N, C-alpha and C. Protein backbone atom coordinates (compact mmCIF):
# COMPACT_ATOMS: atom_id res chain seq x y z
N MET A 1 -53.58 90.07 18.25
CA MET A 1 -52.18 89.90 18.59
C MET A 1 -51.87 90.39 19.99
N SER A 2 -52.72 91.12 20.61
CA SER A 2 -52.38 91.69 21.91
C SER A 2 -52.18 90.62 22.99
N ASP A 3 -52.66 89.38 22.77
CA ASP A 3 -52.41 88.32 23.74
C ASP A 3 -50.93 87.99 23.84
N ALA A 4 -50.20 88.14 22.73
CA ALA A 4 -48.79 87.77 22.71
C ALA A 4 -47.89 88.93 23.07
N ASN A 5 -48.24 90.12 22.62
CA ASN A 5 -47.42 91.29 22.88
C ASN A 5 -48.33 92.51 22.86
N PRO A 6 -48.66 93.05 24.03
CA PRO A 6 -49.62 94.15 24.08
C PRO A 6 -49.15 95.41 23.37
N TRP A 7 -47.88 95.52 23.06
CA TRP A 7 -47.37 96.71 22.38
C TRP A 7 -47.50 96.61 20.87
N LEU A 8 -47.96 95.46 20.36
CA LEU A 8 -48.11 95.27 18.93
C LEU A 8 -49.57 95.39 18.51
N GLY A 9 -50.13 96.52 18.65
CA GLY A 9 -51.51 96.73 18.22
C GLY A 9 -51.53 97.66 17.03
N PRO A 10 -52.68 97.80 16.42
CA PRO A 10 -52.77 98.71 15.27
C PRO A 10 -52.56 100.16 15.67
N ASP A 11 -52.83 100.49 16.94
CA ASP A 11 -52.67 101.86 17.41
C ASP A 11 -51.52 101.92 18.41
N LEU A 12 -50.39 102.43 17.99
CA LEU A 12 -49.22 102.52 18.87
C LEU A 12 -49.08 103.90 19.51
N ALA A 13 -50.00 104.79 19.24
CA ALA A 13 -49.90 106.15 19.77
C ALA A 13 -49.84 106.10 21.30
N GLY A 14 -48.86 106.74 21.83
CA GLY A 14 -48.73 106.84 23.27
C GLY A 14 -48.05 105.66 23.94
N THR A 15 -47.76 104.59 23.23
CA THR A 15 -47.15 103.45 23.89
C THR A 15 -45.63 103.53 23.93
N LYS A 16 -45.03 104.11 22.91
CA LYS A 16 -43.59 104.34 22.94
C LYS A 16 -43.21 105.17 21.72
N GLY A 17 -42.00 105.64 21.72
CA GLY A 17 -41.50 106.37 20.55
C GLY A 17 -41.94 107.82 20.52
N GLY A 18 -41.55 108.44 19.48
CA GLY A 18 -41.88 109.85 19.31
C GLY A 18 -40.80 110.54 18.52
N GLU A 19 -40.92 111.86 18.43
CA GLU A 19 -39.97 112.63 17.62
C GLU A 19 -38.53 112.51 18.11
N HIS A 20 -38.36 112.35 19.39
CA HIS A 20 -37.01 112.40 19.96
C HIS A 20 -36.46 111.01 20.30
N THR A 21 -36.96 109.99 19.63
CA THR A 21 -36.47 108.63 19.86
C THR A 21 -35.96 108.04 18.56
N LEU A 22 -35.35 106.89 18.65
CA LEU A 22 -34.83 106.23 17.45
C LEU A 22 -35.93 105.63 16.59
N GLU A 23 -37.05 105.27 17.18
CA GLU A 23 -38.14 104.66 16.44
C GLU A 23 -39.34 105.58 16.41
N ARG A 24 -40.05 105.55 15.33
CA ARG A 24 -41.31 106.29 15.24
C ARG A 24 -42.45 105.29 15.38
N PRO A 25 -43.45 105.60 16.20
CA PRO A 25 -44.55 104.66 16.40
C PRO A 25 -45.17 104.22 15.08
N GLY A 26 -45.35 102.92 14.96
CA GLY A 26 -45.97 102.37 13.76
C GLY A 26 -45.03 102.18 12.59
N GLU A 27 -43.78 102.66 12.71
CA GLU A 27 -42.83 102.55 11.60
C GLU A 27 -41.68 101.60 11.90
N ALA A 28 -41.54 101.19 13.16
CA ALA A 28 -40.45 100.30 13.53
C ALA A 28 -40.69 98.91 12.94
N ARG A 29 -39.63 98.31 12.42
CA ARG A 29 -39.73 96.97 11.86
C ARG A 29 -39.93 95.96 12.98
N ASN A 30 -40.88 95.09 12.84
CA ASN A 30 -41.18 94.08 13.84
C ASN A 30 -40.37 92.83 13.52
N LEU A 31 -39.26 92.64 14.22
CA LEU A 31 -38.38 91.51 13.97
C LEU A 31 -38.94 90.25 14.59
N VAL A 32 -38.82 89.14 13.89
CA VAL A 32 -39.41 87.86 14.31
C VAL A 32 -38.96 87.50 15.72
N TRP A 33 -37.71 87.65 16.05
CA TRP A 33 -37.22 87.18 17.34
C TRP A 33 -37.57 88.15 18.47
N GLN A 34 -38.26 89.24 18.17
CA GLN A 34 -38.66 90.17 19.21
C GLN A 34 -40.11 90.00 19.64
N SER A 35 -40.89 89.33 18.84
CA SER A 35 -42.31 89.23 19.16
C SER A 35 -42.89 87.94 18.58
N ARG A 36 -44.09 87.65 18.99
CA ARG A 36 -44.76 86.44 18.54
C ARG A 36 -46.12 86.84 17.98
N ALA A 37 -46.60 86.04 17.06
CA ALA A 37 -47.93 86.28 16.49
C ALA A 37 -49.02 85.73 17.39
N ALA A 38 -48.67 84.83 18.32
CA ALA A 38 -49.65 84.22 19.21
C ALA A 38 -48.96 83.86 20.52
N PRO A 39 -49.72 83.69 21.58
CA PRO A 39 -49.11 83.27 22.84
C PRO A 39 -48.52 81.87 22.70
N PRO A 40 -47.49 81.54 23.48
CA PRO A 40 -46.92 80.19 23.40
C PRO A 40 -47.93 79.14 23.85
N SER A 41 -47.84 77.97 23.24
CA SER A 41 -48.70 76.85 23.62
C SER A 41 -48.21 76.28 24.96
N GLU A 42 -49.02 75.41 25.55
CA GLU A 42 -48.60 74.75 26.79
C GLU A 42 -47.32 73.93 26.57
N ALA A 43 -47.24 73.25 25.43
CA ALA A 43 -46.04 72.45 25.13
C ALA A 43 -44.82 73.36 24.99
N GLU A 44 -44.98 74.51 24.36
CA GLU A 44 -43.86 75.46 24.23
C GLU A 44 -43.44 76.00 25.58
N ASN A 45 -44.41 76.28 26.44
CA ASN A 45 -44.08 76.74 27.80
C ASN A 45 -43.35 75.66 28.59
N ARG A 46 -43.79 74.40 28.47
CA ARG A 46 -43.10 73.31 29.18
C ARG A 46 -41.67 73.17 28.68
N LEU A 47 -41.49 73.26 27.36
CA LEU A 47 -40.14 73.18 26.80
C LEU A 47 -39.28 74.32 27.30
N ALA A 48 -39.80 75.53 27.28
CA ALA A 48 -39.03 76.70 27.75
C ALA A 48 -38.66 76.56 29.22
N ASP A 49 -39.60 76.12 30.04
CA ASP A 49 -39.31 75.94 31.47
C ASP A 49 -38.22 74.89 31.68
N ALA A 50 -38.33 73.80 30.94
CA ALA A 50 -37.33 72.73 31.06
C ALA A 50 -35.95 73.23 30.61
N LEU A 51 -35.92 73.97 29.52
CA LEU A 51 -34.63 74.49 29.03
C LEU A 51 -34.00 75.45 30.03
N GLN A 52 -34.81 76.26 30.69
CA GLN A 52 -34.26 77.16 31.72
C GLN A 52 -33.62 76.36 32.85
N ARG A 53 -34.29 75.29 33.28
CA ARG A 53 -33.71 74.45 34.35
C ARG A 53 -32.43 73.76 33.88
N ILE A 54 -32.45 73.28 32.64
CA ILE A 54 -31.28 72.59 32.09
C ILE A 54 -30.10 73.55 32.00
N PHE A 55 -30.33 74.75 31.49
CA PHE A 55 -29.24 75.74 31.38
C PHE A 55 -28.77 76.18 32.77
N ALA A 56 -29.68 76.25 33.73
CA ALA A 56 -29.29 76.62 35.10
C ALA A 56 -28.35 75.57 35.70
N ASP A 57 -28.48 74.34 35.23
CA ASP A 57 -27.57 73.27 35.67
C ASP A 57 -26.31 73.20 34.82
N ALA A 58 -26.07 74.23 34.00
CA ALA A 58 -24.87 74.36 33.16
C ALA A 58 -24.75 73.24 32.13
N VAL A 59 -25.86 72.79 31.61
CA VAL A 59 -25.85 71.82 30.51
C VAL A 59 -26.11 72.64 29.24
N TYR A 60 -25.12 72.69 28.37
CA TYR A 60 -25.22 73.54 27.17
C TYR A 60 -25.00 72.79 25.87
N ASP A 61 -24.51 71.56 25.94
CA ASP A 61 -24.23 70.83 24.70
C ASP A 61 -25.49 70.13 24.22
N LEU A 62 -25.64 70.01 22.90
CA LEU A 62 -26.84 69.45 22.31
C LEU A 62 -27.16 68.04 22.82
N PRO A 63 -26.20 67.12 22.85
CA PRO A 63 -26.54 65.79 23.37
C PRO A 63 -27.01 65.84 24.83
N GLY A 64 -26.38 66.68 25.63
CA GLY A 64 -26.78 66.80 27.03
C GLY A 64 -28.17 67.38 27.19
N ILE A 65 -28.50 68.39 26.39
CA ILE A 65 -29.83 69.01 26.45
C ILE A 65 -30.90 67.99 26.08
N VAL A 66 -30.67 67.29 24.97
CA VAL A 66 -31.63 66.28 24.50
C VAL A 66 -31.82 65.18 25.56
N ALA A 67 -30.72 64.72 26.13
CA ALA A 67 -30.81 63.68 27.15
C ALA A 67 -31.61 64.16 28.36
N ARG A 68 -31.37 65.40 28.80
CA ARG A 68 -32.08 65.93 29.96
C ARG A 68 -33.56 66.13 29.66
N LEU A 69 -33.91 66.60 28.46
CA LEU A 69 -35.33 66.75 28.11
C LEU A 69 -36.04 65.41 28.21
N ASN A 70 -35.40 64.37 27.69
CA ASN A 70 -36.00 63.04 27.76
C ASN A 70 -36.05 62.53 29.20
N GLN A 71 -35.02 62.84 29.97
CA GLN A 71 -34.94 62.38 31.36
C GLN A 71 -36.05 63.00 32.21
N VAL A 72 -36.33 64.28 31.99
CA VAL A 72 -37.35 64.95 32.82
C VAL A 72 -38.75 64.76 32.27
N GLY A 73 -38.87 64.10 31.12
CA GLY A 73 -40.18 63.75 30.60
C GLY A 73 -40.89 64.83 29.80
N VAL A 74 -40.14 65.78 29.27
CA VAL A 74 -40.76 66.77 28.38
C VAL A 74 -40.80 66.17 26.99
N ALA A 75 -42.00 65.88 26.52
CA ALA A 75 -42.16 65.17 25.24
C ALA A 75 -41.80 66.07 24.06
N GLY A 76 -41.27 65.43 23.04
CA GLY A 76 -40.98 66.11 21.80
C GLY A 76 -42.22 66.20 20.93
N PRO A 77 -42.07 66.69 19.71
CA PRO A 77 -43.21 66.81 18.80
C PRO A 77 -43.93 65.47 18.64
N GLY A 78 -45.25 65.49 18.75
CA GLY A 78 -46.04 64.28 18.63
C GLY A 78 -45.92 63.34 19.81
N GLY A 79 -45.30 63.81 20.90
CA GLY A 79 -45.16 62.98 22.09
C GLY A 79 -43.96 62.05 22.07
N ALA A 80 -43.15 62.14 21.02
CA ALA A 80 -41.98 61.26 20.89
C ALA A 80 -40.83 61.73 21.78
N LEU A 81 -39.88 60.83 22.00
CA LEU A 81 -38.65 61.23 22.67
C LEU A 81 -37.88 62.18 21.77
N TRP A 82 -37.13 63.07 22.39
CA TRP A 82 -36.32 64.01 21.63
C TRP A 82 -35.11 63.31 21.03
N THR A 83 -34.72 63.75 19.84
CA THR A 83 -33.44 63.42 19.24
C THR A 83 -32.76 64.73 18.95
N GLU A 84 -31.49 64.69 18.64
CA GLU A 84 -30.80 65.94 18.29
C GLU A 84 -31.47 66.58 17.07
N ALA A 85 -31.86 65.76 16.10
CA ALA A 85 -32.50 66.30 14.88
C ALA A 85 -33.87 66.89 15.19
N SER A 86 -34.66 66.20 16.03
CA SER A 86 -36.00 66.74 16.31
C SER A 86 -35.92 68.01 17.14
N PHE A 87 -34.94 68.09 18.05
CA PHE A 87 -34.77 69.30 18.86
C PHE A 87 -34.34 70.47 17.97
N ALA A 88 -33.38 70.24 17.09
CA ALA A 88 -32.93 71.31 16.18
C ALA A 88 -34.08 71.74 15.26
N GLY A 89 -34.86 70.78 14.80
CA GLY A 89 -35.99 71.10 13.95
C GLY A 89 -37.05 71.92 14.66
N GLU A 90 -37.31 71.56 15.92
CA GLU A 90 -38.31 72.31 16.69
C GLU A 90 -37.84 73.73 16.96
N LEU A 91 -36.56 73.90 17.27
CA LEU A 91 -36.04 75.26 17.49
C LEU A 91 -36.12 76.07 16.20
N ALA A 92 -35.85 75.46 15.07
CA ALA A 92 -35.96 76.15 13.78
C ALA A 92 -37.41 76.54 13.53
N ARG A 93 -38.35 75.65 13.84
CA ARG A 93 -39.77 75.95 13.63
C ARG A 93 -40.20 77.09 14.53
N LEU A 94 -39.80 77.05 15.79
CA LEU A 94 -40.19 78.09 16.73
C LEU A 94 -39.56 79.44 16.39
N GLY A 95 -38.39 79.40 15.79
CA GLY A 95 -37.70 80.64 15.44
C GLY A 95 -38.08 81.22 14.09
N ALA A 96 -38.91 80.50 13.36
CA ALA A 96 -39.29 80.98 12.01
C ALA A 96 -40.25 82.13 12.08
């Protein structure tokens, strides 16, 4: 797991926490949205980069995001064009 998050190893001694902190090493709950079990794939990195550019252009609505992903050529699952349903499904999968 250290490829995805170097702080998530079996030995947390010395990496953070202690008696005078809110978390004790090795006892803090690992929340899904805080860490990953594996590094992102190339497709996930391309999607993330595209979404950052889209949001930087102040496009926040679902139809606009989907249209921009298709416009810039970031392929959806299986290489298909994005739809609102496929985009929502992919975000749900990535967030699981």
